[in-house]
Protein backbone atom coordinates (compact mmCIF):
# COMPACT_ATOMS: atom_id res chain seq x y z
CA MET A 1 16.32 37.85 -7.76
CA THR A 2 12.94 36.95 -9.23
CA ILE A 3 10.60 39.71 -10.38
CA ASP A 4 6.86 39.25 -10.81
CA PHE A 5 5.86 41.74 -13.50
CA SER A 6 2.44 42.17 -11.93
CA ASP A 7 4.19 43.75 -8.91
CA ILE A 8 6.13 46.49 -10.71
CA ASP A 9 5.20 49.66 -12.61
CA VAL A 10 5.62 50.29 -16.32
CA LEU A 11 8.85 52.28 -15.93
CA ARG A 12 10.52 49.40 -14.09
CA LYS A 13 9.27 46.91 -16.70
CA THR A 14 10.62 49.11 -19.49
CA ASN A 15 14.00 49.47 -17.80
CA LEU A 16 14.35 45.75 -17.17
CA LEU A 17 13.39 44.75 -20.72
CA HIS A 18 15.61 47.38 -22.34
CA ASN A 19 18.61 46.19 -20.32
CA ALA A 20 17.96 42.45 -20.70
CA VAL A 21 16.91 42.02 -24.34
CA VAL A 22 20.15 43.19 -25.95
CA PRO A 23 21.67 43.97 -28.34
CA ARG A 24 18.81 45.22 -30.50
CA PRO A 25 19.31 46.35 -34.12
CA ILE A 26 18.25 49.90 -34.84
CA GLY A 27 15.89 50.76 -37.66
CA LEU A 28 15.82 54.44 -38.57
CA ILE A 29 12.37 54.77 -40.08
CA SER A 30 11.21 57.33 -42.59
CA THR A 31 7.47 57.98 -42.97
CA ILE A 32 5.33 60.70 -44.50
CA ASP A 33 1.85 62.08 -43.89
CA ARG A 34 -0.81 62.79 -46.50
CA GLU A 35 0.32 66.41 -46.69
CA GLY A 36 3.87 65.35 -47.57
CA GLN A 37 5.49 66.16 -44.21
CA ALA A 38 8.44 63.82 -43.67
CA ASN A 39 9.40 62.20 -40.37
CA LEU A 40 12.43 60.25 -39.17
CA ALA A 41 12.54 58.22 -35.96
CA PRO A 42 14.82 55.42 -34.66
CA PHE A 43 13.38 52.19 -33.24
CA SER A 44 15.27 49.37 -31.55
CA PHE A 45 12.14 47.24 -31.17
CA PHE A 46 12.89 46.10 -34.71
CA ASN A 47 13.82 42.86 -36.48
CA VAL A 48 13.23 40.55 -39.45
CA VAL A 49 10.51 37.90 -39.02
CA SER A 50 10.01 36.38 -42.47
CA ALA A 51 11.94 35.89 -45.72
CA ASN A 52 9.10 34.80 -48.02
CA PRO A 53 7.26 37.09 -47.88
CA ALA A 54 10.05 39.41 -46.81
CA VAL A 55 8.70 41.01 -43.64
CA VAL A 56 10.30 43.03 -40.86
CA ILE A 57 8.59 44.33 -37.75
CA PHE A 58 9.05 47.40 -35.62
CA SER A 59 7.09 48.60 -32.64
CA PRO A 60 6.58 52.25 -31.70
CA LEU A 61 5.52 52.33 -28.03
CA ARG A 62 2.90 54.68 -26.66
CA ARG A 63 4.67 57.33 -24.59
CA VAL A 64 4.69 56.34 -20.94
CA ARG A 65 4.49 59.90 -19.59
CA ASP A 66 1.29 60.96 -21.36
CA ASN A 67 0.06 57.88 -23.30
CA THR A 68 0.33 59.61 -26.69
CA THR A 69 1.34 57.93 -29.95
CA LYS A 70 4.37 58.89 -32.03
CA HIS A 71 4.37 60.71 -35.37
CA THR A 72 5.51 57.49 -37.06
CA VAL A 73 2.27 55.75 -36.11
CA GLU A 74 0.10 58.67 -37.18
CA ASN A 75 1.89 58.91 -40.54
CA ILE A 76 1.54 55.19 -41.26
CA ARG A 77 -2.19 55.41 -40.60
CA GLU A 78 -2.36 58.04 -43.36
CA VAL A 79 0.29 56.61 -45.73
CA PRO A 80 0.98 52.91 -44.94
CA GLU A 81 4.54 52.90 -46.25
CA ALA A 82 8.02 53.34 -44.76
CA VAL A 83 11.71 53.25 -45.54
CA ILE A 84 13.75 51.48 -42.89
CA HIS A 85 17.42 52.41 -42.70
CA ILE A 86 20.00 50.14 -41.08
CA VAL A 87 22.07 52.34 -38.79
CA SER A 88 25.84 52.17 -39.26
CA TYR A 89 28.39 53.74 -36.95
CA SER A 90 29.10 56.47 -39.51
CA MET A 91 25.58 57.88 -38.97
CA LEU A 92 25.15 57.14 -35.26
CA ARG A 93 25.15 60.72 -33.97
CA GLN A 94 22.84 61.88 -36.74
CA MET A 95 20.45 59.06 -35.84
CA ASN A 96 20.47 60.27 -32.24
CA LEU A 97 19.29 63.71 -33.36
CA THR A 98 16.22 62.19 -34.98
CA ALA A 99 15.24 60.80 -31.56
CA CYS A 100 14.57 64.38 -30.38
CA GLU A 101 10.85 65.05 -30.07
CA TYR A 102 10.59 67.87 -32.56
CA LEU A 103 7.23 69.32 -33.49
CA GLU A 104 5.41 67.50 -36.28
CA SER A 105 6.14 70.37 -38.68
CA VAL A 106 9.92 70.06 -38.21
CA ASP A 107 11.88 68.17 -40.86
CA GLU A 108 14.18 65.66 -39.10
CA PHE A 109 16.13 65.13 -42.34
CA LEU A 110 17.20 68.78 -42.14
CA LYS A 111 17.84 68.69 -38.38
CA ALA A 112 20.04 65.58 -38.64
CA GLY A 113 21.93 66.74 -41.72
CA PHE A 114 20.68 63.92 -43.95
CA THR A 115 20.11 64.24 -47.69
CA LYS A 116 16.69 63.26 -49.00
CA GLU A 117 16.58 60.71 -51.82
CA LYS A 118 13.48 59.52 -53.67
CA ALA A 119 12.50 55.89 -53.18
CA ARG A 120 11.61 53.70 -56.15
CA GLN A 121 8.37 52.06 -54.99
CA VAL A 122 7.15 53.92 -51.89
CA THR A 123 6.40 57.55 -51.04
CA PRO A 124 8.57 58.27 -47.96
CA TRP A 125 12.02 59.71 -48.52
CA MET A 126 15.21 57.72 -48.19
CA ILE A 127 18.42 58.84 -46.48
CA LYS A 128 21.02 59.11 -49.23
CA GLU A 129 23.94 58.61 -46.83
CA CYS A 130 22.64 55.34 -45.37
CA PRO A 131 24.38 52.19 -46.69
CA VAL A 132 21.33 49.88 -46.39
CA LYS A 133 17.74 50.95 -47.05
CA LEU A 134 14.55 48.89 -47.09
CA GLU A 135 11.53 50.21 -48.95
CA CYS A 136 8.46 48.78 -47.21
CA ARG A 137 4.70 48.65 -47.40
CA ILE A 138 2.91 48.25 -44.10
CA LYS A 139 0.87 45.06 -44.19
CA GLU A 140 -0.66 45.37 -40.74
CA MET A 141 -0.53 47.44 -37.55
CA ARG A 142 -1.53 45.61 -34.38
CA SER A 143 -2.09 47.40 -31.10
CA LEU A 144 -0.94 45.56 -27.99
CA GLY A 145 -2.73 47.89 -25.58
CA ASN A 146 -4.01 51.40 -25.01
CA THR A 147 -1.95 52.43 -21.98
CA GLY A 148 1.45 54.11 -21.76
CA GLY A 149 4.25 51.76 -22.81
CA ALA A 150 2.01 49.57 -24.99
CA GLY A 151 3.43 48.72 -28.39
CA MET A 152 1.96 49.11 -31.85
CA VAL A 153 3.48 46.25 -33.86
CA CYS A 154 3.96 47.19 -37.51
CA PHE A 155 4.44 44.40 -40.05
CA ALA A 156 6.35 45.85 -43.00
CA GLU A 157 6.85 43.97 -46.27
CA VAL A 158 10.15 44.76 -47.96
CA VAL A 159 9.50 45.53 -51.64
CA CYS A 160 12.90 46.95 -52.56
CA MET A 161 16.35 47.05 -50.96
CA HIS A 162 19.24 49.43 -51.60
CA ILE A 163 22.82 48.49 -50.68
CA ASP A 164 25.88 50.68 -51.07
CA GLY A 165 28.40 48.72 -53.15
CA ALA A 166 31.19 49.91 -50.86
CA ILE A 167 30.01 47.60 -48.06
CA LEU A 168 29.85 44.44 -50.20
CA ASP A 169 32.46 41.69 -50.20
CA GLY A 170 33.75 39.80 -53.23
CA GLU A 171 30.64 37.61 -53.32
CA ASN A 172 28.22 40.56 -53.18
CA ASN A 173 27.29 39.85 -49.57
CA ILE A 174 27.13 42.60 -46.98
CA ASP A 175 30.45 42.70 -45.15
CA PRO A 176 29.83 43.49 -41.45
CA HIS A 177 33.37 44.88 -41.17
CA LYS A 178 32.44 47.52 -43.74
CA LEU A 179 28.87 48.14 -42.58
CA GLU A 180 29.81 48.52 -38.90
CA PRO A 181 26.21 48.33 -37.67
CA VAL A 182 25.35 49.62 -34.22
CA ALA A 183 22.86 48.15 -31.79
CA ARG A 184 20.95 49.40 -28.76
CA LEU A 185 21.58 48.23 -25.23
CA GLY A 186 19.92 49.45 -22.04
CA ARG A 187 20.00 53.02 -20.73
CA ASP A 188 22.48 55.10 -22.76
CA TYR A 189 24.58 52.14 -23.90
CA TYR A 190 25.16 51.08 -27.50
CA THR A 191 27.45 48.54 -29.13
CA ARG A 192 29.37 48.76 -32.39
CA VAL A 193 30.19 45.77 -34.58
CA ASN A 194 33.77 46.02 -35.79
CA LYS A 195 36.92 43.94 -36.18
CA SER A 196 37.68 44.00 -32.46
CA ASN A 197 34.45 42.25 -31.44
CA LEU A 198 33.38 40.35 -34.55
CA PHE A 199 33.79 36.59 -34.57
CA THR A 200 32.52 33.63 -36.54
CA MET A 201 30.84 30.43 -35.36
CA PRO A 202 29.98 27.75 -37.93
CA LYS A 203 26.38 26.56 -37.90
CA PRO A 204 25.74 22.83 -37.36
CA ASN A 205 24.39 22.49 -40.92
CA ARG A 206 23.34 18.86 -41.33
CA HIS A 207 25.42 17.00 -38.78
CA LEU A 208 24.31 16.46 -35.20
CA GLY A 209 26.73 17.33 -32.44
CA ILE A 210 27.43 14.59 -29.91
CA GLY A 211 26.22 16.84 -27.09
CA PHE A 212 27.44 17.36 -23.54
CA ASP A 213 26.10 13.98 -22.44
CA LYS A 214 28.63 12.15 -24.66
CA LEU A 215 31.70 14.03 -23.47
CA PRO A 216 34.27 12.05 -21.43
CA GLU A 217 33.76 12.52 -17.69
CA HIS A 218 37.10 14.22 -17.10
CA VAL A 219 36.25 16.71 -19.85
CA LEU A 220 32.66 17.37 -18.77
CA HIS A 221 33.70 18.03 -15.16
CA SER A 222 36.83 20.00 -15.98
CA ASN A 223 37.71 22.90 -13.70
CA ILE A 224 39.42 24.66 -16.60
CA LEU A 225 37.18 24.25 -19.63
CA THR A 226 34.24 26.66 -19.80
CA ALA A 227 30.72 25.93 -20.98
CA ASN A 228 31.62 27.54 -24.31
CA ASP A 229 34.68 25.29 -24.55
CA LEU A 230 32.55 22.23 -23.88
CA GLY A 231 30.04 23.44 -26.47
CA GLN A 232 32.78 23.51 -29.11
CA LEU A 233 33.89 20.00 -28.21
CA ALA A 234 30.31 18.72 -28.14
CA MET A 235 29.61 20.04 -31.66
CA VAL A 236 31.65 17.30 -33.37
CA SER A 237 29.62 14.56 -35.01
CA ALA A 238 31.76 11.89 -33.32
CA ILE A 239 34.65 11.82 -30.89
CA PRO A 240 37.74 11.56 -33.12
CA GLU A 241 40.22 8.73 -32.95
CA ALA A 242 43.45 9.44 -31.09
CA ASP A 243 46.25 10.29 -33.51
CA GLU A 244 49.49 8.76 -32.31
CA ASN A 245 51.44 11.14 -34.53
CA PHE A 246 49.90 14.25 -32.97
CA SER A 247 52.50 16.23 -31.06
CA HIS A 248 52.59 19.40 -29.02
CA ILE A 249 55.70 20.51 -27.12
CA ALA A 250 53.92 21.56 -23.91
CA MET A 251 51.72 18.48 -23.98
CA GLN A 252 54.69 16.16 -24.47
CA TYR A 253 56.47 17.77 -21.53
CA LEU A 254 53.41 17.32 -19.30
CA LEU A 255 52.99 13.69 -20.29
CA GLU A 256 56.49 13.05 -18.98
CA GLN A 257 55.45 14.34 -15.55
CA PRO A 258 53.87 12.15 -12.86
CA VAL A 259 50.09 11.76 -13.13
CA SER A 260 48.41 14.39 -10.96
CA ASP A 261 45.47 16.76 -10.83
CA GLU A 262 47.83 19.64 -11.60
CA ARG A 263 49.08 17.94 -14.75
CA SER A 264 45.49 17.34 -15.86
CA ARG A 265 44.65 21.00 -15.32
CA GLU A 266 47.64 22.06 -17.40
CA MET A 267 46.58 19.72 -20.20
CA HIS A 268 43.11 21.24 -20.13
CA LYS A 269 44.63 24.72 -20.28
CA ILE A 270 46.41 23.75 -23.50
CA ALA A 271 43.13 22.45 -24.92
CA ALA A 272 41.34 25.65 -23.89
CA LYS A 273 43.92 27.79 -25.71
CA MET A 274 43.43 25.69 -28.83
CA LEU A 275 39.66 26.06 -28.61
CA ALA A 276 40.06 29.83 -28.33
CA LEU A 277 41.76 29.63 -31.73
CA ASP A 278 39.00 27.34 -33.09
CA LEU A 279 41.47 24.44 -33.25
CA VAL A 280 38.85 21.93 -32.16
CA ASP A 281 40.52 18.84 -33.66
CA GLU A 282 43.81 19.68 -31.97
CA ALA A 283 42.06 20.31 -28.64
CA TRP A 284 40.42 16.89 -28.89
CA GLN A 285 43.80 15.26 -29.50
CA VAL A 286 45.18 16.81 -26.30
CA LEU A 287 42.15 15.69 -24.32
CA LEU A 288 42.21 12.23 -25.85
CA ARG A 289 45.84 11.85 -24.83
CA GLU A 290 44.85 12.86 -21.30
CA ASP A 291 41.94 10.41 -21.49
CA MET A 292 44.34 7.62 -22.46
CA VAL A 293 46.55 8.44 -19.47
CA ILE A 294 43.54 8.30 -17.17
CA GLU A 295 42.48 4.92 -18.58
CA VAL A 296 46.01 3.53 -18.07
CA GLN A 297 46.02 4.89 -14.52
CA GLU A 298 42.67 3.23 -13.77
CA ASP A 299 43.89 -0.07 -15.24
CA MET A 300 46.96 0.06 -12.99
CA VAL A 301 44.75 0.61 -9.95
CA VAL A 302 42.70 -2.48 -10.90
CA ILE A 303 45.92 -4.54 -11.28
CA ASP A 304 47.18 -3.34 -7.90
CA ARG A 305 43.93 -4.44 -6.27
CA MET A 306 44.19 -7.86 -7.91
CA ASP A 307 47.69 -8.28 -6.48
């Protein structure tokens, strides 16, 4: 299905974007007006865009139903400062309460059961219970339109950051297992980062992966190995040399069987299981052994033809 955005209304556009651009981190943003009235509101159109200067952005949309702007925007126009709170699972339901459209005079800190805490360098209040807080000064607000659904992009420079020591690891880095951040999906769906769905993937750093185009043909066109599997194999800087001392019980058993497509599939299944455990070198050794068998088989075919 292909959708031309000029053919659909704003509600359909909003629904499609909210469901496709996921997961989105949630910034629970505290602002204040010139009279000192505090406001809290969550935004998932939020992310970091620069480290030096340290800048994050968030985008309050104009309400689709009546084209009005949110209290956050009005407050920033009066006091161009904010505190952005990173939402952890421990405060998820309280965050949801702040999404209610209370009257401007209502204190969302009180409604959501949060404790107010003074910031060091900006005027808006901080949430004491939040494990990560960013004190920000608004550098710029840029309107992307004047109709319902249009965003107001706010560029916020981080001038001070507060981190609860309980979520730090031994090297004073934020431990995602302890933070358990939540992120927004489409409709009423959210996701929670915890031990059951957290995984690591080393960055390439300085070496260049060989790429898919350098993978052996029988590997590249495998019916067993997935695109993710191939991506792991293609990240090595060079195809390793076959290790004659490498041994694996299942692999050794298969190598004793007659050459066949079924045997090749079983070999690839062993490699796939190794890749699932991040045993890339071992997976390569299995595939290299299979590659050697294929080469021997091809050489035998050539000899048969010569005879």
